[in-house]
């Protein structure tokens, strides 16, 4: 469960693990391969599935209006970037 300012959203186990990994390494970029090998105990997840989990987390963060987002930089990978609350 993810809670923010009185709102909440349920996450699957893999969504929770991915978000936790990104929270542990904010503002650092990770390739899909590194995410598979470090965020989950089973690295046999397809790149398409990683992108699907990222999309789902992006939607949850936006819906809860949490001041951060998962960004993708070509050649660098994905990162959780915090922005000033406003």
N, C-alpha and C. Protein backbone atom coordinates (compact mmCIF):
# COMPACT_ATOMS: atom_id res chain seq x y z
N UNK A 1 0.85 -1.17 0.00
CA UNK A 1 0.00 0.00 0.00
C UNK A 1 0.89 1.24 0.00
N UNK A 2 0.54 2.19 -0.83
CA UNK A 2 1.25 3.47 -0.90
C UNK A 2 0.26 4.55 -0.49
N UNK A 3 0.66 5.37 0.48
CA UNK A 3 -0.22 6.42 0.99
C UNK A 3 0.46 7.77 0.86
N UNK A 4 -0.37 8.77 0.51
CA UNK A 4 0.14 10.14 0.40
C UNK A 4 -1.01 11.10 0.61
N UNK A 5 -0.88 11.96 1.62
CA UNK A 5 -1.86 13.01 1.92
C UNK A 5 -3.31 12.50 1.89
N UNK A 6 -3.55 11.43 2.62
CA UNK A 6 -4.89 10.90 2.77
C UNK A 6 -5.39 10.03 1.62
N UNK A 7 -4.60 9.87 0.59
CA UNK A 7 -4.96 9.00 -0.52
C UNK A 7 -4.10 7.75 -0.46
N UNK A 8 -4.59 6.68 -1.05
CA UNK A 8 -3.80 5.45 -1.05
C UNK A 8 -4.03 4.67 -2.33
N UNK A 9 -3.06 3.82 -2.62
CA UNK A 9 -3.13 2.95 -3.80
C UNK A 9 -2.46 1.63 -3.45
N UNK A 10 -3.03 0.57 -3.96
CA UNK A 10 -2.43 -0.75 -3.79
C UNK A 10 -1.41 -0.99 -4.88
N UNK A 11 -0.32 -1.62 -4.50
CA UNK A 11 0.71 -1.98 -5.46
C UNK A 11 0.87 -3.50 -5.45
N UNK A 12 1.22 -4.05 -6.60
CA UNK A 12 1.57 -5.46 -6.64
C UNK A 12 2.94 -5.63 -5.99
N UNK A 13 3.32 -6.85 -5.73
CA UNK A 13 4.63 -7.11 -5.15
C UNK A 13 5.76 -6.57 -6.01
N UNK A 14 5.68 -6.78 -7.30
CA UNK A 14 6.75 -6.30 -8.20
C UNK A 14 6.76 -4.78 -8.31
N UNK A 15 5.59 -4.16 -8.32
CA UNK A 15 5.54 -2.70 -8.34
C UNK A 15 6.18 -2.15 -7.07
N UNK A 16 5.87 -2.76 -5.93
CA UNK A 16 6.42 -2.34 -4.65
C UNK A 16 7.94 -2.49 -4.65
N UNK A 17 8.44 -3.61 -5.15
CA UNK A 17 9.89 -3.83 -5.20
C UNK A 17 10.58 -2.82 -6.11
N UNK A 18 9.99 -2.54 -7.27
CA UNK A 18 10.60 -1.58 -8.19
C UNK A 18 10.59 -0.19 -7.59
N UNK A 19 9.47 0.24 -7.02
CA UNK A 19 9.41 1.56 -6.41
C UNK A 19 10.39 1.65 -5.24
N UNK A 20 10.47 0.61 -4.44
CA UNK A 20 11.43 0.60 -3.32
C UNK A 20 12.86 0.72 -3.81
N UNK A 21 13.20 0.01 -4.88
CA UNK A 21 14.55 0.10 -5.44
C UNK A 21 14.84 1.52 -5.92
N UNK A 22 13.91 2.12 -6.64
CA UNK A 22 14.11 3.47 -7.13
C UNK A 22 14.17 4.49 -5.99
N UNK A 23 13.38 4.27 -4.95
CA UNK A 23 13.43 5.15 -3.77
C UNK A 23 14.78 5.05 -3.06
N UNK A 24 15.37 3.87 -3.07
CA UNK A 24 16.68 3.68 -2.44
C UNK A 24 17.80 4.33 -3.23
N UNK A 25 17.54 4.65 -4.51
CA UNK A 25 18.56 5.23 -5.40
C UNK A 25 17.99 6.40 -6.19
N UNK A 26 17.46 7.42 -5.50
CA UNK A 26 16.84 8.53 -6.24
C UNK A 26 17.86 9.28 -7.09
N UNK A 27 17.39 9.80 -8.20
CA UNK A 27 18.19 10.63 -9.11
C UNK A 27 19.36 9.86 -9.73
N UNK A 28 19.33 8.54 -9.67
CA UNK A 28 20.33 7.70 -10.35
C UNK A 28 19.61 6.90 -11.42
N UNK A 29 20.24 6.77 -12.56
CA UNK A 29 19.61 6.07 -13.68
C UNK A 29 20.08 4.63 -13.75
N UNK A 30 19.12 3.74 -14.11
CA UNK A 30 19.40 2.32 -14.21
C UNK A 30 18.80 1.77 -15.49
N UNK A 31 19.60 0.99 -16.19
CA UNK A 31 19.10 0.33 -17.41
C UNK A 31 18.09 -0.75 -17.02
N UNK A 32 17.35 -1.21 -18.01
CA UNK A 32 16.39 -2.28 -17.77
C UNK A 32 17.11 -3.51 -17.21
N UNK A 33 18.27 -3.85 -17.76
CA UNK A 33 19.02 -5.00 -17.27
C UNK A 33 19.41 -4.85 -15.80
N UNK A 34 19.86 -3.67 -15.43
CA UNK A 34 20.24 -3.45 -14.03
C UNK A 34 19.02 -3.50 -13.12
N UNK A 35 17.90 -2.95 -13.59
CA UNK A 35 16.69 -3.01 -12.78
C UNK A 35 16.28 -4.46 -12.58
N UNK A 36 16.30 -5.24 -13.64
CA UNK A 36 15.92 -6.65 -13.53
C UNK A 36 16.81 -7.40 -12.55
N UNK A 37 18.09 -7.12 -12.58
CA UNK A 37 19.03 -7.82 -11.72
C UNK A 37 19.08 -7.34 -10.29
N UNK A 38 18.64 -6.09 -10.05
CA UNK A 38 18.77 -5.53 -8.71
C UNK A 38 17.45 -5.26 -8.01
N UNK A 39 16.39 -4.98 -8.76
CA UNK A 39 15.10 -4.67 -8.12
C UNK A 39 14.33 -5.92 -7.76
N UNK A 40 14.52 -6.96 -8.54
CA UNK A 40 13.77 -8.20 -8.33
C UNK A 40 14.72 -9.37 -8.17
N UNK A 41 14.26 -10.38 -7.45
CA UNK A 41 15.10 -11.56 -7.26
C UNK A 41 15.12 -12.43 -8.51
N UNK A 42 14.15 -12.24 -9.42
CA UNK A 42 14.10 -12.99 -10.66
C UNK A 42 14.47 -12.06 -11.81
N UNK A 43 15.70 -12.15 -12.31
CA UNK A 43 16.11 -11.24 -13.38
C UNK A 43 15.57 -11.62 -14.76
N UNK A 44 14.76 -12.66 -14.86
CA UNK A 44 14.23 -13.11 -16.16
C UNK A 44 12.94 -12.39 -16.54
N UNK A 45 12.91 -11.09 -16.33
CA UNK A 45 11.75 -10.29 -16.68
C UNK A 45 12.07 -9.57 -17.99
N UNK A 46 11.14 -9.59 -18.90
CA UNK A 46 11.37 -8.98 -20.21
C UNK A 46 11.41 -7.45 -20.09
N UNK A 47 12.13 -6.80 -21.01
CA UNK A 47 12.14 -5.33 -21.02
C UNK A 47 10.73 -4.74 -21.15
N UNK A 48 9.87 -5.40 -21.90
CA UNK A 48 8.50 -4.91 -22.06
C UNK A 48 7.76 -4.93 -20.73
N UNK A 49 7.99 -5.97 -19.93
CA UNK A 49 7.34 -6.05 -18.62
C UNK A 49 7.87 -4.97 -17.68
N UNK A 50 9.16 -4.68 -17.75
CA UNK A 50 9.73 -3.59 -16.94
C UNK A 50 9.05 -2.28 -17.32
N UNK A 51 8.92 -2.02 -18.61
CA UNK A 51 8.26 -0.79 -19.06
C UNK A 51 6.81 -0.74 -18.58
N UNK A 52 6.15 -1.88 -18.55
CA UNK A 52 4.78 -1.95 -18.06
C UNK A 52 4.71 -1.57 -16.58
N UNK A 53 5.62 -2.11 -15.78
CA UNK A 53 5.65 -1.77 -14.35
C UNK A 53 5.95 -0.29 -14.15
N UNK A 54 6.88 0.26 -14.94
CA UNK A 54 7.20 1.69 -14.84
C UNK A 54 5.96 2.52 -15.16
N UNK A 55 5.25 2.17 -16.20
CA UNK A 55 4.04 2.89 -16.58
C UNK A 55 3.01 2.85 -15.45
N UNK A 56 2.83 1.70 -14.84
CA UNK A 56 1.87 1.57 -13.76
C UNK A 56 2.27 2.41 -12.55
N UNK A 57 3.56 2.42 -12.23
CA UNK A 57 4.04 3.24 -11.11
C UNK A 57 3.87 4.72 -11.43
N UNK A 58 4.16 5.12 -12.66
CA UNK A 58 3.96 6.52 -13.05
C UNK A 58 2.51 6.95 -12.84
N UNK A 59 1.59 6.10 -13.23
CA UNK A 59 0.16 6.42 -13.07
C UNK A 59 -0.22 6.55 -11.61
N UNK A 60 0.30 5.65 -10.77
CA UNK A 60 -0.01 5.71 -9.34
C UNK A 60 0.55 6.98 -8.72
N UNK A 61 1.79 7.32 -9.02
CA UNK A 61 2.41 8.53 -8.48
C UNK A 61 1.62 9.77 -8.91
N UNK A 62 1.20 9.81 -10.17
CA UNK A 62 0.43 10.96 -10.66
C UNK A 62 -0.94 11.03 -9.99
N UNK A 63 -1.60 9.89 -9.85
CA UNK A 63 -2.93 9.87 -9.25
C UNK A 63 -2.90 10.33 -7.79
N UNK A 64 -1.85 9.94 -7.07
CA UNK A 64 -1.72 10.33 -5.67
C UNK A 64 -1.08 11.71 -5.51
N UNK A 65 -0.70 12.31 -6.64
CA UNK A 65 -0.07 13.63 -6.66
C UNK A 65 1.19 13.68 -5.80
N UNK A 66 1.99 12.65 -5.89
CA UNK A 66 3.27 12.59 -5.18
C UNK A 66 4.28 13.38 -6.02
N UNK A 67 5.04 14.29 -5.41
CA UNK A 67 5.93 15.15 -6.19
C UNK A 67 7.22 14.45 -6.65
N UNK A 68 7.03 13.41 -7.43
CA UNK A 68 8.17 12.72 -8.04
C UNK A 68 7.65 12.00 -9.28
N UNK A 69 8.58 11.60 -10.13
CA UNK A 69 8.19 10.86 -11.32
C UNK A 69 9.32 9.93 -11.74
N UNK A 70 8.93 8.88 -12.42
CA UNK A 70 9.91 7.97 -13.00
C UNK A 70 10.18 8.47 -14.41
N UNK A 71 11.42 8.86 -14.65
CA UNK A 71 11.79 9.38 -15.97
C UNK A 71 12.70 8.39 -16.68
N UNK A 72 12.73 8.50 -17.98
CA UNK A 72 13.59 7.65 -18.80
C UNK A 72 14.46 8.55 -19.65
N UNK A 73 15.75 8.28 -19.63
CA UNK A 73 16.71 9.00 -20.47
C UNK A 73 17.35 7.98 -21.40
N UNK A 74 17.18 8.17 -22.71
CA UNK A 74 17.79 7.22 -23.66
C UNK A 74 19.28 7.03 -23.39
N UNK A 75 19.69 5.79 -23.37
CA UNK A 75 21.08 5.46 -23.12
C UNK A 75 21.47 5.45 -21.65
N UNK A 76 20.59 5.93 -20.77
CA UNK A 76 20.90 5.95 -19.34
C UNK A 76 19.95 5.07 -18.54
N UNK A 77 18.67 5.05 -18.90
CA UNK A 77 17.72 4.21 -18.20
C UNK A 77 16.68 4.99 -17.45
N UNK A 78 16.17 4.39 -16.38
CA UNK A 78 15.08 4.95 -15.58
C UNK A 78 15.61 5.48 -14.25
N UNK A 79 14.93 6.53 -13.77
CA UNK A 79 15.29 7.11 -12.48
C UNK A 79 14.06 7.71 -11.84
N UNK A 80 14.04 7.71 -10.51
CA UNK A 80 13.00 8.39 -9.75
C UNK A 80 13.52 9.78 -9.43
N UNK A 81 12.83 10.79 -9.94
CA UNK A 81 13.25 12.17 -9.76
C UNK A 81 12.21 12.89 -8.91
N UNK A 82 12.67 13.50 -7.84
CA UNK A 82 11.80 14.28 -6.97
C UNK A 82 11.79 15.73 -7.43
N UNK A 83 10.65 16.36 -7.33
CA UNK A 83 10.54 17.77 -7.67
C UNK A 83 9.97 18.50 -6.45
N UNK A 84 10.12 19.80 -6.44
CA UNK A 84 9.63 20.60 -5.32
C UNK A 84 8.11 20.50 -5.27
N UNK A 85 7.60 20.26 -4.08
CA UNK A 85 6.15 20.21 -3.88
C UNK A 85 5.59 21.61 -4.09
N UNK A 86 4.45 21.67 -4.72
CA UNK A 86 3.92 23.01 -4.96
C UNK A 86 2.54 22.96 -5.23
